[in-house]
C-alpha atoms as a PDB file:
ATOM      1  CA  MET A   1     101.177 139.281  22.404  1.00  0.00           C
ATOM      2  CA  THR A   2     102.633 136.305  21.354  1.00  0.00           C
ATOM      3  CA  GLY A   3     102.009 134.830  24.726  1.00  0.00           C
ATOM      4  CA  VAL A   4      98.200 135.725  24.639  1.00  0.00           C
ATOM      5  CA  LEU A   5      97.447 133.897  21.252  1.00  0.00           C
ATOM      6  CA  VAL A   6      99.274 130.863  22.534  1.00  0.00           C
ATOM      7  CA  ALA A   7      96.964 131.068  25.575  1.00  0.00           C
ATOM      8  CA  ALA A   8      93.515 131.509  23.532  1.00  0.00           C
ATOM      9  CA  LEU A   9      94.984 128.666  21.385  1.00  0.00           C
ATOM     10  CA  ALA A  10      95.103 126.217  23.878  1.00  0.00           C
ATOM     11  CA  GLY A  11      91.854 127.485  25.834  1.00  0.00           C
ATOM     12  CA  TYR A  12      90.117 126.923  22.542  1.00  0.00           C
ATOM     13  CA  LEU A  13      92.408 123.153  22.162  1.00  0.00           C
ATOM     14  CA  ILE A  14      91.115 122.346  25.772  1.00  0.00           C
ATOM     15  CA  TRP A  15      87.637 123.149  24.821  1.00  0.00           C
ATOM     16  CA  VAL A  16      87.561 121.351  21.839  1.00  0.00           C
ATOM     17  CA  GLU A  17      88.825 118.128  23.797  1.00  0.00           C
ATOM     18  CA  VAL A  18      85.985 118.532  26.845  1.00  0.00           C
ATOM     19  CA  ILE A  19      83.351 118.787  23.652  1.00  0.00           C
ATOM     20  CA  LEU A  20      85.241 115.351  21.848  1.00  0.00           C
ATOM     21  CA  ARG A  21      85.035 113.805  24.931  1.00  0.00           C
ATOM     22  CA  ARG A  22      81.210 114.324  25.692  1.00  0.00           C
ATOM     23  CA  LEU A  23      80.783 113.370  22.121  1.00  0.00           C
ATOM     24  CA  THR A  24      82.345 110.192  22.387  1.00  0.00           C
ATOM     25  CA  ASP A  25      80.818 109.689  25.872  1.00  0.00           C
ATOM     26  CA  THR A  26      77.353 110.105  24.084  1.00  0.00           C
ATOM     27  CA  LEU A  27      78.397 108.024  21.206  1.00  0.00           C
ATOM     28  CA  GLY A  28      78.920 105.009  23.396  1.00  0.00           C
ATOM     29  CA  LYS A  29      75.996 105.258  25.102  1.00  0.00           C
ATOM     30  CA  VAL A  30      74.065 105.194  21.565  1.00  0.00           C
ATOM     31  CA  ALA A  31      76.134 102.233  19.994  1.00  0.00           C
ATOM     32  CA  PHE A  32      75.105 100.657  23.363  1.00  0.00           C
ATOM     33  CA  GLY A  33      71.575 101.334  22.848  1.00  0.00           C
ATOM     34  CA  VAL A  34      71.938 100.313  19.491  1.00  0.00           C
ATOM     35  CA  GLY A  35      73.275  97.046  20.250  1.00  0.00           C
ATOM     36  CA  ALA A  36      70.800  96.595  23.012  1.00  0.00           C
ATOM     37  CA  ILE A  37      68.010  97.319  20.791  1.00  0.00           C
ATOM     38  CA  ALA A  38      69.265  94.663  17.676  1.00  0.00           C
ATOM     39  CA  HIS A  39      69.606  92.293  20.501  1.00  0.00           C
ATOM     40  CA  ARG A  40      65.892  92.193  21.149  1.00  0.00           C
ATOM     41  CA  VAL A  41      64.799  92.380  18.041  1.00  0.00           C
ATOM     42  CA  GLN A  42      66.268  89.580  17.019  1.00  0.00           C
ATOM     43  CA  PRO A  43      63.143  86.762  18.141  1.00  0.00           C
ATOM     44  CA  VAL A  44      61.174  88.646  15.852  1.00  0.00           C
ATOM     45  CA  GLU A  45      62.347  87.860  12.724  1.00  0.00           C
ATOM     46  CA  THR A  46      61.207  84.457  13.152  1.00  0.00           C
ATOM     47  CA  THR A  47      57.830  85.404  14.419  1.00  0.00           C
ATOM     48  CA  VAL A  48      57.217  87.976  11.458  1.00  0.00           C
ATOM     49  CA  GLY A  49      58.334  85.034   9.278  1.00  0.00           C
ATOM     50  CA  GLU A  50      55.797  82.654  10.577  1.00  0.00           C
ATOM     51  CA  ILE A  51      53.101  85.601  10.879  1.00  0.00           C
ATOM     52  CA  ASN A  52      53.788  85.972   7.235  1.00  0.00           C
ATOM     53  CA  GLY A  53      53.194  82.119   6.590  1.00  0.00           C
ATOM     54  CA  ASP A  54      49.836  81.834   7.949  1.00  0.00           C
ATOM     55  CA  LEU A  55      48.884  84.968   6.179  1.00  0.00           C
ATOM     56  CA  ILE A  56      49.936  83.424   2.996  1.00  0.00           C
ATOM     57  CA  GLY A  57      47.619  81.104   3.570  1.00  0.00           C
ATOM     58  CA  VAL A  58      44.725  83.452   4.472  1.00  0.00           C
ATOM     59  CA  ALA A  59      45.597  85.010   1.476  1.00  0.00           C
ATOM     60  CA  ASP A  60      44.824  81.890  -0.347  1.00  0.00           C
ATOM     61  CA  ALA A  61      42.113  80.844   0.965  1.00  0.00           C
ATOM     62  CA  LEU A  62      39.981  84.290   0.454  1.00  0.00           C
ATOM     63  CA  GLU A  63      41.385  84.199  -3.226  1.00  0.00           C
ATOM     64  CA  ALA A  64      39.746  80.978  -3.559  1.00  0.00           C
ATOM     65  CA  LEU A  65      36.885  81.792  -2.011  1.00  0.00           C
ATOM     66  CA  ALA A  66      36.979  84.877  -3.664  1.00  0.00           C
ATOM     67  CA  ALA A  67      36.664  82.943  -6.842  1.00  0.00           C
ATOM     68  CA  ASP A  68      33.901  80.875  -6.064  1.00  0.00           C
ATOM     69  CA  LEU A  69      31.689  83.963  -4.737  1.00  0.00           C
ATOM     70  CA  GLU A  70      31.984  85.295  -8.811  1.00  0.00           C
ATOM     71  CA  PRO A  71      29.693  83.229 -10.367  1.00  0.00           C
ATOM     72  CA  ARG A  72      27.070  83.822  -8.184  1.00  0.00           C
ATOM     73  CA  ARG A  73      27.838  87.379  -8.102  1.00  0.00           C
ATOM     74  CA  ALA A  74      27.687  87.223 -12.159  1.00  0.00           C
ATOM     75  CA  SER A  75      24.226  85.567 -12.180  1.00  0.00           C
ATOM     76  CA  ARG A  76      22.591  87.702  -9.780  1.00  0.00           C
ATOM     77  CA  ALA A  77      23.560  90.443 -12.087  1.00  0.00           C
ATOM     78  CA  SER A  78      21.909  89.188 -14.653  1.00  0.00           C
END
């Protein structure tokens, strides 16, 4: 009876070991993939900063244009 219990526990422990090894392998692949993605998107940060700087200029120009057009709009409404 005790031998059967020990054999069953050993079987479950071996099964847990197999699952943990697979999990470790999968996590290693995920970590490698995340590192590769981080490396690939690193140059994007500077590009996004440049685009944002350009868009600030566009926003300022549009606000100035809207301010110039407001008196014309008000005079047409009168």
